[in-house]
Amino acid sequence: THKNLKLFEGFSAADCVVRSVTSYRVLQGPKMMQAPIILLKEGTDTSQGKPQIISNINACEVVMEAVSSTLGPRGMDKLIVDGHGKTTISNDGATIMKLLDIVHPAAKTLVDISLSQDAEVGDGTTSVVLLAAEILRKCKPYVESGVHPQILVKGIRRATQLALQRIKEIAVHVQKDDPQEQRSMLEKCASTALSSKLIAHQKDFFSKMVVDAVMLLDELLPLNMIGIKKVQGGSLEESLLVAGVAFKKTFSYAGFEMQPKRYSGPKIALLNIELELKAEKENAEIRVESVEEYQRIVDAEWTILYDKLEKIVKSGSKVVLSKLPIGDVATQYFADRDVFCAGRVPEEDLRRTMKACGGSIQTSVTSLTEDVLGVCDHFEEKQIGGERYNLFTGCREAKTCTIILRGGAEQFIEETERSLHDAIMIVRRTLKNDAVVAGGGAIEMELSKYLRDYSRTIVTKEQLVIAAFAKALEVIPRQLCDNAGFDSTNVLNGLREKHANGHKWYGVDITKEDIANNFEAYVWEPATVKINALTGAAEAASLILSVDETIRNPKSNPDGPPSALPGM
C-alpha cells in the first residue's frame, strides 16, 4: 500500500526487501508465531536448577534421620515388616537401607554406598550414610546462596584427598611377625565391630570365635569357606565353632538308624546321582507278551540299582553324600555294609565338603577311583539342640570351618548372623591391611581439626567448602553422644580442646559419659573402614550436588491406546 511504501523512502532495493519482510511479520502479528517444540512424552515430570539440588539434599537428610539412631554401642534397633509380613529386627545400616525400599532417585545413592561399604569392608554402613548426608547438609546454605555446585564438588574432593592422606599418616601398624600381638589386634577390631550390635554383651566370646574362624582359612581368606548354621534354642554361649564342615541331617529312610554314625579317616564319595527306583514317566507304555518279559524289566531295574550300589561300596567309601535322593533300598543296602549315606544334601554344603575334604562331585559310579574320593580325619553325627548335624573335622585339603549359632527367637539368631558377618569381614580386612585407628569418633575429630586448620591457609572459595567438610565430620561423635543420651555439646567441646592440644586419639567414652584415649582403651578399627567410608560418602555427595535436573517419565499404560502427540 502507499502507506507502507512511505516507510522505505531513502533505502536501497536490498534494504527494501529485508524491511518489507520484517514489516510483513510485524503486520501479521501472532499468526506467524512458531509452535513450541515438544521433546518429552506428555505427562513427563521435570524439575531443574537450584530447587532440584535443594530437594535432593532434603531427601538425603530424611534418609539420614531414619538410620542415625542406630549408630554406636547405645544405638537403637529397627523393626521392619516387609510386604510379605516378614519381620526383621536389625541394627545394621546396610540391612535397614536395603529393606526401606527407598524410591527417591537421589536418596537411592545412599543405599548404594551403604551396600558397597557392606560388601567391601563389612562395617561402617551407617557411618557412610551419616557422613554423606551431613556433607550435603553443610553444603546446602552455599547452594542457596548461589555458589556453583562444581566449586562445592571440587572442594569436597580436595578435602577427601587431604583426609585420606592424614589417615595414612597417623594410622598405627601392628607387627605381623608376632602372632600373639596380631591375634590381640584382630580380637580388639572384632570386639569394636560387635560392640554396636545386639550381641554386644557377648562380644568377648564371639570376637574370639570369629578370629579362630578366620585363622582356620588359607591365605586367600575366602568368605564362602565359613559356613554359618542356625539352631533355635539354648543360649548364645552354646554357639560353637566346628573346624571343618557341618550341615543338618538330611531326610532319611528306614534303615538309616542301623548305619554307623562315627568314623575315623573315612573315604567320602560325593555324588550327583539318584540312588532309588524311578517311577515310570507319565503316559509311558510298555507292551509285554508274557509275565516273564515283565519280570525281566523289573529285574533289569533292580540290577542297574544294585550294580551302582556295589560299585560305590567296592570303591572303599564309608560316607556317601548325594545331591539327589538316596532311596530306602539303597539306605538299607549301605546300612548292611556299615556305610553312612545322606541324600538331598544342599549344593552349597556339598561343594564346601568337596573343597574341604578333596575329591570331586561325580555324576557316574563307573570311575570312583582314589583321586575322586574325599578324606577327612573324623566324621560323626551329633545332636545339637533339637537338630542332628553331620560333622566333618580334620579336613586335609582346604581349610574351612562352620559356626553353629544358638539362640531364642528366629529374628535374634538372624541378627546375630548379620553381626558375625560384619565382624568376619573386619577381621579379614585387618589381616590383609594391618593399619588400625581409634574408633568412637576419635579419628573423625582429628580429621576435622586437621581440615579446619588447613582451610585457613588457602584463599579461594574452597576454604569455605573444606571448613564445611571438617564440620560435617563431627556428625559421628555427636550422634554417638545423642544416641547414648549424653550432652553432645559438652563432649564435643572437650574433644576439640584435646585434639587442638595434640591428643589425636581422644574420642567418646560411652561407659563413663566422658572423653577418653580410645587407642589405650582398645577401641580399634581398621583404617580401611574409615578410608572406604570417607571415599564413598564424598563420591555420593559430589554426585548428588552435580545433578541439577530430574526427568521422570510417565508410567506406560499397556492396556490403553497410545497417547497422541499434541496437535495431532
Protein backbone atom coordinates (compact mmCIF):
# COMPACT_ATOMS: atom_id res chain seq x y z
CA THR A 1 0.00 0.00 0.00
CA HIS A 2 1.05 3.64 -0.32
CA LYS A 3 1.26 3.96 3.44
CA ASN A 4 3.73 1.08 3.66
CA LEU A 5 5.86 2.39 0.75
CA LYS A 6 6.50 5.61 2.67
CA LEU A 7 8.37 3.50 5.21
CA PHE A 8 11.09 2.65 2.64
CA GLU A 9 11.94 6.08 1.22
CA GLY A 10 15.70 6.70 1.12
CA PHE A 11 16.72 2.97 1.24
CA SER A 12 18.35 0.73 -1.39
CA ALA A 13 16.45 -2.08 -3.15
CA ALA A 14 18.07 -4.81 -0.97
CA ASP A 15 17.20 -2.89 2.20
CA CYS A 16 13.66 -2.51 0.98
CA VAL A 17 13.28 -6.29 0.55
CA VAL A 18 14.55 -7.01 4.08
CA ARG A 19 12.46 -4.29 5.62
CA SER A 20 9.37 -5.35 3.71
CA VAL A 21 9.73 -8.91 5.08
CA THR A 22 10.19 -7.54 8.61
CA SER A 23 7.24 -5.24 8.12
CA TYR A 24 5.16 -8.16 6.87
CA ARG A 25 5.96 -10.20 10.02
CA VAL A 26 5.06 -7.24 12.22
CA LEU A 27 1.83 -6.71 10.34
CA GLN A 28 0.85 -10.39 10.52
CA GLY A 29 1.28 -10.44 14.35
CA PRO A 30 0.56 -13.61 16.42
CA LYS A 31 -0.47 -15.61 13.33
CA MET A 32 3.21 -16.15 12.43
CA MET A 33 4.45 -17.20 15.97
CA GLN A 34 6.41 -20.51 15.97
CA ALA A 35 4.78 -23.58 17.64
CA PRO A 36 6.59 -24.84 20.82
CA ILE A 37 9.00 -27.78 20.30
CA ILE A 38 7.93 -30.87 22.24
CA LEU A 39 10.83 -33.16 23.20
CA LEU A 40 9.38 -35.27 26.02
CA LYS A 41 6.34 -37.52 26.25
CA GLU A 42 3.15 -35.94 27.53
CA GLY A 43 2.92 -36.24 31.32
CA THR A 44 6.70 -36.28 31.87
CA ASP A 45 7.66 -34.62 35.16
CA THR A 46 10.76 -32.39 35.02
CA SER A 47 12.38 -30.24 37.66
CA GLN A 48 15.67 -28.43 37.39
CA GLY A 49 18.03 -25.82 38.74
CA LYS A 50 18.79 -24.81 42.31
CA PRO A 51 15.44 -26.04 43.76
CA GLN A 52 16.21 -29.51 42.38
CA ILE A 53 19.57 -29.71 44.19
CA ILE A 54 17.96 -28.49 47.44
CA SER A 55 15.18 -31.09 47.04
CA ASN A 56 17.74 -33.90 46.60
CA ILE A 57 19.68 -32.75 49.69
CA ASN A 58 16.44 -32.70 51.72
CA ALA A 59 15.65 -36.28 50.62
CA CYS A 60 19.10 -37.45 51.78
CA GLU A 61 18.57 -35.75 55.15
CA VAL A 62 15.33 -37.71 55.63
CA VAL A 63 17.20 -40.98 54.95
CA MET A 64 19.89 -39.98 57.46
CA GLU A 65 17.25 -39.33 60.15
CA ALA A 66 15.86 -42.85 59.57
CA VAL A 67 19.18 -44.62 60.31
CA SER A 68 21.10 -42.15 62.52
CA SER A 69 19.68 -43.55 65.78
CA THR A 70 21.27 -46.98 65.10
CA LEU A 71 24.88 -45.69 65.32
CA GLY A 72 27.18 -46.80 68.11
CA PRO A 73 27.07 -49.09 71.15
CA ARG A 74 23.93 -47.40 72.50
CA GLY A 75 22.19 -47.22 69.11
CA MET A 76 18.57 -48.34 68.81
CA ASP A 77 17.34 -51.22 66.64
CA LYS A 78 14.78 -51.00 63.85
CA LEU A 79 11.88 -53.40 63.35
CA ILE A 80 10.96 -53.60 59.67
CA VAL A 81 7.99 -55.56 58.27
CA ASP A 82 8.16 -56.21 54.53
CA GLY A 83 5.28 -56.65 52.05
CA HIS A 84 5.04 -60.39 52.81
CA GLY A 85 4.73 -59.81 56.56
CA LYS A 86 8.29 -60.98 57.34
CA THR A 87 9.69 -59.19 60.40
CA THR A 88 13.35 -58.13 60.58
CA ILE A 89 14.95 -56.60 63.67
CA SER A 90 18.32 -55.08 62.81
CA ASN A 91 20.94 -52.56 63.82
CA ASP A 92 22.96 -52.98 60.60
CA GLY A 93 22.85 -49.90 58.38
CA ALA A 94 23.07 -51.81 55.08
CA THR A 95 20.25 -54.23 56.05
CA ILE A 96 17.97 -51.34 57.08
CA MET A 97 18.73 -49.34 53.92
CA LYS A 98 18.02 -52.38 51.75
CA LEU A 99 14.69 -53.12 53.48
CA LEU A 100 13.47 -49.48 53.48
CA ASP A 101 12.67 -49.79 49.74
CA ILE A 102 13.54 -46.15 49.01
CA VAL A 103 12.06 -44.82 45.73
CA HIS A 104 13.57 -41.30 45.60
CA PRO A 105 16.22 -41.45 42.84
CA ALA A 106 18.80 -39.25 44.64
CA ALA A 107 18.31 -40.92 48.03
CA LYS A 108 18.92 -44.32 46.38
CA THR A 109 22.56 -43.25 46.02
CA LEU A 110 22.89 -43.51 49.81
CA VAL A 111 21.53 -47.07 49.68
CA ASP A 112 24.16 -47.95 47.06
CA ILE A 113 27.10 -46.60 49.09
CA SER A 114 25.84 -48.37 52.22
CA LEU A 115 25.62 -51.73 50.38
CA SER A 116 29.00 -51.09 48.76
CA GLN A 117 30.56 -50.45 52.21
CA ASP A 118 28.97 -53.68 53.49
CA ALA A 119 30.34 -55.73 50.58
CA GLU A 120 33.82 -54.19 50.71
CA VAL A 121 34.63 -53.95 54.42
CA GLY A 122 31.53 -55.15 56.30
CA ASP A 123 31.35 -52.38 58.93
CA GLY A 124 30.71 -48.62 58.83
CA THR A 125 27.48 -48.93 56.82
CA THR A 126 25.59 -46.41 59.00
CA SER A 127 28.60 -44.06 59.27
CA VAL A 128 28.92 -43.73 55.48
CA VAL A 129 25.25 -42.66 55.14
CA LEU A 130 25.57 -40.16 58.00
CA LEU A 131 28.75 -38.64 56.56
CA ALA A 132 27.31 -38.26 53.03
CA ALA A 133 24.07 -36.66 54.27
CA GLU A 134 25.91 -34.34 56.69
CA ILE A 135 28.33 -33.15 53.98
CA LEU A 136 25.29 -32.29 51.83
CA ARG A 137 23.59 -30.56 54.76
CA LYS A 138 26.63 -28.34 55.34
CA CYS A 139 26.80 -27.51 51.59
CA LYS A 140 23.10 -26.59 51.42
CA PRO A 141 23.48 -22.94 52.61
CA TYR A 142 26.13 -22.36 49.91
CA VAL A 143 23.85 -23.77 47.20
CA GLU A 144 21.05 -21.46 48.42
CA SER A 145 23.47 -18.51 48.38
CA GLY A 146 24.26 -19.16 44.70
CA VAL A 147 27.68 -20.84 44.93
CA HIS A 148 28.13 -23.01 41.83
CA PRO A 149 27.82 -26.76 42.66
CA GLN A 150 31.05 -27.56 40.81
CA ILE A 151 33.01 -25.35 43.23
CA LEU A 152 31.49 -27.34 46.09
CA VAL A 153 32.35 -30.67 44.37
CA LYS A 154 35.95 -29.53 43.81
CA GLY A 155 36.25 -28.53 47.49
CA ILE A 156 34.78 -31.86 48.70
CA ARG A 157 37.25 -33.81 46.55
CA ARG A 158 40.18 -31.77 47.84
CA ALA A 159 39.05 -32.25 51.46
CA THR A 160 38.65 -36.02 50.94
CA GLN A 161 42.13 -36.27 49.45
CA LEU A 162 43.62 -34.44 52.46
CA ALA A 163 41.63 -36.56 54.94
CA LEU A 164 42.76 -39.86 53.38
CA GLN A 165 46.35 -38.65 53.38
CA ARG A 166 46.05 -37.77 57.09
CA ILE A 167 44.57 -41.21 57.98
CA LYS A 168 47.52 -42.95 56.30
CA GLU A 169 49.95 -40.69 58.20
CA ILE A 170 48.56 -41.36 61.69
CA ALA A 171 47.35 -45.00 61.35
CA VAL A 172 49.22 -47.42 63.61
CA HIS A 173 50.71 -50.54 62.00
CA VAL A 174 50.76 -53.67 64.16
CA GLN A 175 53.64 -56.07 63.55
CA LYS A 176 52.59 -59.27 61.80
CA ASP A 177 55.75 -61.05 62.97
CA ASP A 178 54.38 -61.53 66.48
CA PRO A 179 51.36 -63.93 66.23
CA GLN A 180 50.20 -63.13 69.78
CA GLU A 181 50.16 -59.37 69.14
CA GLN A 182 48.43 -59.86 65.79
CA ARG A 183 45.74 -62.05 67.34
CA SER A 184 45.19 -59.49 70.10
CA MET A 185 44.72 -56.74 67.47
CA LEU A 186 42.23 -58.86 65.48
CA GLU A 187 40.18 -59.60 68.60
CA LYS A 188 40.03 -55.89 69.50
CA CYS A 189 38.89 -54.94 65.98
CA ALA A 190 36.21 -57.68 66.02
CA SER A 191 35.12 -56.59 69.51
CA THR A 192 34.75 -52.94 68.35
CA ALA A 193 32.65 -54.07 65.35
CA LEU A 194 30.38 -56.16 67.63
CA SER A 195 30.01 -53.50 70.34
CA SER A 196 27.22 -51.73 68.42
CA LYS A 197 25.26 -54.93 67.73
CA LEU A 198 22.55 -56.84 69.59
CA ILE A 199 25.18 -59.33 70.83
CA ALA A 200 27.38 -56.60 72.39
CA HIS A 201 27.21 -58.29 75.83
CA GLN A 202 28.78 -61.47 74.37
CA LYS A 203 31.32 -59.61 72.23
CA ASP A 204 34.36 -61.17 74.00
CA PHE A 205 33.02 -64.69 73.37
CA PHE A 206 32.16 -64.03 69.72
CA SER A 207 35.27 -61.97 68.88
CA LYS A 208 37.46 -64.95 69.88
CA MET A 209 35.24 -67.29 67.83
CA VAL A 210 35.39 -65.02 64.75
CA VAL A 211 39.20 -64.70 64.93
CA ASP A 212 39.53 -68.50 65.33
CA ALA A 213 37.26 -68.99 62.29
CA VAL A 214 39.24 -66.61 60.06
CA MET A 215 42.58 -68.05 61.23
CA LEU A 216 41.45 -71.52 60.08
CA LEU A 217 41.19 -70.31 56.46
CA ASP A 218 44.01 -70.31 53.90
CA GLU A 219 45.90 -67.15 52.87
CA LEU A 220 43.18 -66.07 50.37
CA LEU A 221 40.62 -65.92 53.25
CA PRO A 222 37.60 -66.98 51.13
CA LEU A 223 34.37 -65.88 52.85
CA ASN A 224 32.36 -68.82 51.45
CA MET A 225 34.58 -71.25 53.36
CA ILE A 226 32.99 -70.07 56.64
CA GLY A 227 29.54 -71.64 56.91
CA ILE A 228 27.02 -70.28 59.43
CA LYS A 229 24.22 -72.62 60.57
CA LYS A 230 21.39 -71.56 62.89
CA VAL A 231 19.83 -73.84 65.53
CA GLN A 232 16.99 -72.36 67.61
CA GLY A 233 17.04 -72.97 71.36
CA GLY A 234 19.73 -72.69 74.01
CA SER A 235 21.77 -69.61 74.87
CA LEU A 236 24.18 -67.61 72.73
CA GLU A 237 27.17 -69.01 74.66
CA GLU A 238 26.21 -72.51 73.46
CA SER A 239 27.20 -71.48 69.92
CA LEU A 240 30.18 -73.44 68.71
CA LEU A 241 32.86 -73.38 66.04
CA VAL A 242 33.48 -76.58 64.08
CA ALA A 243 36.93 -76.74 62.48
CA GLY A 244 35.56 -78.39 59.35
CA VAL A 245 32.20 -78.81 57.58
CA ALA A 246 28.86 -79.22 59.37
CA PHE A 247 25.40 -79.48 57.87
CA LYS A 248 21.98 -80.53 59.10
CA LYS A 249 20.97 -84.19 58.82
CA THR A 250 19.03 -84.69 55.59
CA PHE A 251 15.77 -86.57 55.02
CA SER A 252 16.34 -90.30 55.58
CA TYR A 253 14.53 -93.60 55.00
CA ALA A 254 14.11 -96.75 57.08
CA GLY A 255 17.42 -98.45 57.71
CA PHE A 256 19.23 -95.16 58.34
CA GLU A 257 19.41 -95.72 62.11
CA MET A 258 21.30 -99.00 61.53
CA GLN A 259 24.18 -97.12 59.85
CA PRO A 260 27.27 -96.22 61.90
CA LYS A 261 27.35 -92.55 62.96
CA ARG A 262 31.08 -92.21 63.63
CA TYR A 263 34.20 -92.94 61.54
CA SER A 264 37.91 -92.18 61.73
CA GLY A 265 39.69 -91.36 58.45
CA PRO A 266 36.76 -92.33 56.14
CA LYS A 267 36.78 -92.01 52.37
CA ILE A 268 33.93 -89.77 51.18
CA ALA A 269 32.05 -90.24 47.88
CA LEU A 270 30.41 -87.02 46.61
CA LEU A 271 27.71 -87.83 44.05
CA ASN A 272 25.09 -86.18 41.90
CA ILE A 273 23.23 -89.46 41.26
CA GLU A 274 19.73 -90.66 42.16
CA LEU A 275 20.04 -93.97 44.04
CA GLU A 276 16.44 -95.15 44.03
CA LEU A 277 13.99 -96.93 41.75
CA LYS A 278 12.49 -94.36 39.44
CA ALA A 279 8.75 -94.26 38.82
CA GLU A 280 7.63 -94.64 35.19
CA LYS A 281 7.21 -91.44 33.28
CA GLU A 282 3.66 -90.26 32.66
CA ASN A 283 1.93 -91.82 29.65
CA ALA A 284 4.81 -94.26 29.22
CA GLU A 285 3.67 -97.51 27.64
CA ILE A 286 5.45 -100.87 27.54
CA ARG A 287 3.77 -103.76 25.77
CA VAL A 288 4.73 -107.20 27.01
CA GLU A 289 3.62 -110.60 25.74
CA SER A 290 4.08 -112.58 28.94
CA VAL A 291 4.69 -112.40 32.68
CA GLU A 292 8.32 -113.48 32.12
CA GLU A 293 9.00 -110.42 29.95
CA TYR A 294 7.53 -108.12 32.62
CA GLN A 295 9.68 -109.83 35.27
CA ARG A 296 12.79 -109.27 33.13
CA ILE A 297 12.04 -105.49 33.00
CA VAL A 298 11.61 -105.37 36.80
CA ASP A 299 14.82 -107.41 37.32
CA ALA A 300 16.74 -105.08 34.97
CA GLU A 301 15.75 -102.07 37.12
CA TRP A 302 16.92 -103.78 40.30
CA THR A 303 20.13 -104.96 38.60
CA ILE A 304 21.01 -101.39 37.49
CA LEU A 305 20.44 -100.06 41.03
CA TYR A 306 22.37 -102.88 42.76
CA ASP A 307 25.20 -102.52 40.23
CA LYS A 308 25.58 -98.83 41.19
CA LEU A 309 25.49 -99.59 44.92
CA GLU A 310 28.04 -102.39 44.57
CA LYS A 311 30.49 -100.14 42.73
CA ILE A 312 30.17 -97.45 45.44
CA VAL A 313 30.87 -99.97 48.24
CA LYS A 314 33.79 -101.54 46.31
CA SER A 315 35.42 -98.09 45.95
CA GLY A 316 36.07 -98.16 49.72
CA SER A 317 33.82 -95.18 50.50
CA LYS A 318 32.48 -95.14 54.07
CA VAL A 319 30.48 -91.89 53.75
CA VAL A 320 28.26 -91.34 50.68
CA LEU A 321 26.78 -87.88 50.07
CA SER A 322 24.48 -87.15 47.14
CA LYS A 323 22.72 -84.02 45.93
CA LEU A 324 19.85 -86.23 44.68
CA PRO A 325 17.68 -88.62 46.74
CA ILE A 326 19.01 -91.90 48.13
CA GLY A 327 16.05 -94.32 48.40
CA ASP A 328 15.07 -96.86 51.06
CA VAL A 329 16.62 -99.84 49.21
CA ALA A 330 19.97 -98.06 48.89
CA THR A 331 19.83 -96.89 52.55
CA GLN A 332 19.29 -100.46 53.77
CA TYR A 333 22.00 -101.78 51.41
CA PHE A 334 24.55 -99.29 52.80
CA ALA A 335 23.46 -100.00 56.41
CA ASP A 336 24.12 -103.75 55.91
CA ARG A 337 27.67 -102.91 54.79
CA ASP A 338 28.47 -100.31 57.52
CA VAL A 339 28.37 -97.34 55.14
CA PHE A 340 26.83 -93.95 56.08
CA CYS A 341 24.75 -92.19 53.41
CA ALA A 342 22.90 -88.87 53.10
CA GLY A 343 20.77 -87.80 50.14
CA ARG A 344 19.33 -84.42 49.16
CA VAL A 345 22.43 -82.61 50.55
CA PRO A 346 22.24 -78.86 49.68
CA GLU A 347 24.61 -77.99 46.82
CA GLU A 348 26.42 -75.30 48.86
CA ASP A 349 27.25 -77.83 51.62
CA LEU A 350 28.29 -80.47 49.08
CA ARG A 351 30.68 -78.00 47.42
CA ARG A 352 32.16 -76.93 50.76
CA THR A 353 32.72 -80.59 51.66
CA MET A 354 34.41 -81.09 48.28
CA LYS A 355 36.70 -78.09 48.80
CA ALA A 356 37.48 -79.15 52.36
CA CYS A 357 37.92 -82.91 52.00
CA GLY A 358 39.14 -83.03 48.41
CA GLY A 359 37.76 -85.25 45.66
CA SER A 360 35.16 -84.19 43.12
CA ILE A 361 31.40 -84.48 42.60
CA GLN A 362 30.67 -87.48 40.35
CA THR A 363 27.70 -87.93 38.01
CA SER A 364 28.54 -91.61 37.37
CA VAL A 365 29.75 -94.52 39.53
CA THR A 366 31.91 -96.11 36.83
CA SER A 367 35.13 -94.33 37.82
CA LEU A 368 35.14 -94.00 41.63
CA THR A 369 38.94 -94.06 41.97
CA GLU A 370 41.07 -92.89 44.91
CA ASP A 371 41.67 -89.42 43.40
CA VAL A 372 37.95 -88.53 43.18
CA LEU A 373 37.15 -89.55 46.78
CA GLY A 374 37.46 -87.07 49.66
CA VAL A 375 39.11 -87.83 53.01
CA CYS A 376 38.72 -86.35 56.50
CA ASP A 377 40.22 -87.30 59.87
CA HIS A 378 36.94 -87.69 61.69
CA PHE A 379 33.23 -87.91 60.84
CA GLU A 380 30.31 -88.09 63.25
CA GLU A 381 26.62 -87.33 63.50
CA LYS A 382 25.91 -85.25 66.58
CA GLN A 383 22.80 -83.92 68.32
CA ILE A 384 22.84 -80.08 68.61
CA GLY A 385 19.73 -78.68 70.27
CA GLY A 386 16.71 -80.13 68.52
CA GLU A 387 18.66 -80.91 65.33
CA ARG A 388 21.13 -83.59 64.29
CA TYR A 389 24.24 -82.43 62.43
CA ASN A 390 26.81 -84.23 60.29
CA LEU A 391 30.29 -83.01 61.28
CA PHE A 392 33.44 -83.47 59.17
CA THR A 393 36.60 -82.43 61.05
CA GLY A 394 40.32 -82.61 60.27
CA CYS A 395 39.78 -81.78 56.57
CA ARG A 396 43.15 -82.11 54.83
CA GLU A 397 42.70 -80.36 51.50
CA ALA A 398 41.38 -76.86 52.16
CA LYS A 399 40.89 -75.04 55.41
CA THR A 400 37.28 -74.42 56.26
CA CYS A 401 35.04 -74.04 59.29
CA THR A 402 31.39 -73.81 60.32
CA ILE A 403 29.86 -71.63 63.04
CA ILE A 404 26.73 -73.15 64.63
CA LEU A 405 24.66 -70.38 66.24
CA ARG A 406 22.25 -71.00 69.12
CA GLY A 407 19.65 -68.58 70.44
CA GLY A 408 15.99 -67.99 71.18
CA ALA A 409 13.88 -66.09 68.63
CA GLU A 410 14.46 -66.58 64.91
CA GLN A 411 14.93 -62.81 64.32
CA PHE A 412 17.55 -62.71 67.08
CA ILE A 413 19.59 -65.53 65.51
CA GLU A 414 19.36 -63.85 62.09
CA GLU A 415 20.64 -60.55 63.53
CA THR A 416 23.46 -62.48 65.25
CA GLU A 417 24.40 -63.94 61.87
CA ARG A 418 24.49 -60.45 60.29
CA SER A 419 26.61 -59.17 63.20
CA LEU A 420 29.09 -62.04 62.83
CA HIS A 421 29.29 -61.40 59.08
CA ASP A 422 30.38 -57.80 59.82
CA ALA A 423 32.97 -58.98 62.37
CA ILE A 424 34.35 -61.66 59.98
CA MET A 425 34.71 -59.05 57.21
CA ILE A 426 36.53 -56.70 59.60
CA VAL A 427 38.97 -59.42 60.72
CA ARG A 428 39.67 -60.41 57.09
CA ARG A 429 40.35 -56.78 56.17
CA THR A 430 42.60 -56.26 59.20
CA LEU A 431 44.62 -59.37 58.30
CA LYS A 432 45.18 -58.02 54.78
CA ASN A 433 45.81 -54.40 55.90
CA ASP A 434 47.39 -54.19 59.33
CA ALA A 435 46.79 -50.43 59.85
CA VAL A 436 44.38 -49.51 62.68
CA VAL A 437 42.96 -46.25 64.07
CA ALA A 438 41.00 -45.40 67.22
CA GLY A 439 37.19 -45.55 66.95
CA GLY A 440 34.50 -43.82 68.96
CA GLY A 441 34.69 -40.59 66.92
CA ALA A 442 38.42 -40.09 67.63
CA ILE A 443 39.64 -40.31 64.02
CA GLU A 444 36.77 -38.07 62.78
CA MET A 445 37.62 -35.35 65.34
CA GLU A 446 41.30 -35.50 64.39
CA LEU A 447 40.48 -35.17 60.66
CA SER A 448 38.04 -32.33 61.44
CA LYS A 449 40.74 -30.40 63.34
CA TYR A 450 43.33 -31.06 60.56
CA LEU A 451 40.99 -29.86 57.77
CA ARG A 452 39.85 -26.82 59.76
CA ASP A 453 43.48 -25.76 60.25
CA TYR A 454 44.26 -26.39 56.57
CA SER A 455 41.25 -24.40 55.35
CA ARG A 456 42.66 -21.23 56.98
CA THR A 457 45.79 -21.44 54.80
CA ILE A 458 44.00 -21.06 51.42
CA VAL A 459 42.31 -18.00 49.94
CA THR A 460 39.91 -19.42 47.31
CA LYS A 461 36.25 -20.37 47.84
CA GLU A 462 37.49 -23.89 48.64
CA GLN A 463 38.30 -22.54 52.13
CA LEU A 464 34.56 -22.45 52.94
CA VAL A 465 33.90 -25.91 51.49
CA ILE A 466 36.81 -27.60 53.31
CA ALA A 467 35.73 -25.92 56.58
CA ALA A 468 32.16 -27.20 55.98
CA PHE A 469 33.54 -30.71 55.32
CA ALA A 470 35.52 -30.51 58.58
CA LYS A 471 32.37 -29.52 60.46
CA ALA A 472 30.42 -32.39 58.80
CA LEU A 473 32.89 -34.98 60.15
CA GLU A 474 31.79 -34.09 63.69
CA VAL A 475 28.42 -35.78 63.00
CA ILE A 476 29.84 -39.19 64.06
CA PRO A 477 30.90 -38.27 67.65
CA ARG A 478 27.82 -36.03 68.02
CA GLN A 479 25.46 -38.85 67.01
CA LEU A 480 27.29 -41.31 69.31
CA CYS A 481 26.60 -38.90 72.21
CA ASP A 482 22.97 -38.27 71.21
CA ASN A 483 22.23 -42.00 70.92
CA ALA A 484 23.71 -42.63 74.37
CA GLY A 485 21.76 -39.72 75.91
CA PHE A 486 24.85 -37.57 76.61
CA ASP A 487 25.18 -33.79 76.27
CA SER A 488 26.85 -33.74 72.84
CA THR A 489 27.81 -30.03 73.05
CA ASN A 490 29.92 -30.53 76.19
CA VAL A 491 31.53 -33.73 74.92
CA LEU A 492 32.43 -32.16 71.55
CA ASN A 493 33.86 -29.05 73.22
CA GLY A 494 36.09 -31.31 75.34
CA LEU A 495 37.18 -33.29 72.27
CA ARG A 496 38.02 -30.13 70.29
CA GLU A 497 40.20 -28.90 73.17
CA LYS A 498 42.06 -32.24 73.43
CA HIS A 499 42.67 -32.51 69.68
CA ALA A 500 43.81 -28.87 69.48
CA ASN A 501 46.49 -29.77 72.09
CA GLY A 502 47.76 -32.77 70.11
CA HIS A 503 45.83 -35.64 71.78
CA LYS A 504 44.87 -37.25 68.48
CA TRP A 505 43.25 -40.47 69.80
CA TYR A 506 40.69 -38.87 72.14
CA GLY A 507 37.10 -39.94 71.42
CA VAL A 508 33.76 -40.51 73.13
CA ASP A 509 33.83 -42.86 76.15
CA ILE A 510 30.36 -44.43 76.18
CA THR A 511 30.80 -46.23 79.51
CA LYS A 512 31.74 -43.13 81.57
CA GLU A 513 29.82 -40.39 79.71
CA ASP A 514 33.09 -38.59 79.11
CA ILE A 515 36.02 -38.46 76.70
CA ALA A 516 38.99 -40.85 76.78
CA ASN A 517 42.02 -42.02 74.84
CA ASN A 518 40.27 -44.68 72.76
CA PHE A 519 43.51 -46.16 71.45
CA GLU A 520 44.58 -47.02 75.00
CA ALA A 521 41.02 -48.24 75.69
CA TYR A 522 41.45 -50.67 72.74
CA VAL A 523 38.56 -49.24 70.72
CA TRP A 524 40.30 -50.05 67.45
CA GLU A 525 39.04 -50.05 63.88
CA PRO A 526 40.85 -50.95 60.64
CA ALA A 527 41.96 -47.80 58.79
CA THR A 528 40.47 -49.26 55.60
CA VAL A 529 36.93 -48.93 57.09
CA LYS A 530 37.36 -45.18 57.51
CA ILE A 531 39.08 -44.77 54.13
CA ASN A 532 36.21 -46.55 52.35
CA ALA A 533 33.54 -44.67 54.32
CA LEU A 534 35.05 -41.25 53.55
CA THR A 535 35.60 -42.06 49.88
CA GLY A 536 32.06 -43.43 49.44
CA ALA A 537 30.43 -40.52 51.30
CA ALA A 538 32.37 -37.89 49.32
CA GLU A 539 31.56 -39.57 45.99
CA ALA A 540 27.84 -39.76 46.83
CA ALA A 541 27.76 -36.09 47.97
CA SER A 542 29.59 -34.97 44.80
CA LEU A 543 27.21 -36.97 42.62
CA ILE A 544 24.07 -35.52 44.25
CA LEU A 545 25.41 -31.96 44.06
CA SER A 546 26.21 -32.44 40.34
CA VAL A 547 22.60 -33.32 39.45
CA ASP A 548 20.57 -30.22 38.58
CA GLU A 549 17.69 -31.79 36.65
CA THR A 550 15.46 -34.82 37.14
CA ILE A 551 13.26 -36.13 34.33
CA ARG A 552 10.69 -38.69 35.41
CA ASN A 553 8.92 -40.47 32.56
CA PRO A 554 5.21 -41.22 32.98
CA LYS A 555 4.33 -44.86 33.60
CA SER A 556 3.31 -46.57 30.38
CA ASN A 557 -0.27 -47.81 30.18
CA PRO A 558 -0.14 -51.19 28.40
CA ASP A 559 -3.95 -51.56 28.21
CA GLY A 560 -4.90 -48.13 26.92
CA PRO A 561 -4.33 -46.68 23.42
CA PRO A 562 -1.02 -44.87 22.78
CA SER A 563 -1.29 -41.16 23.59
CA ALA A 564 -1.30 -38.93 20.51
CA LEU A 565 1.17 -36.09 20.11
CA PRO A 566 -0.21 -32.62 20.94
CA GLY A 567 -1.83 -31.00 17.94
CA MET A 568 -2.35 -34.34 16.13
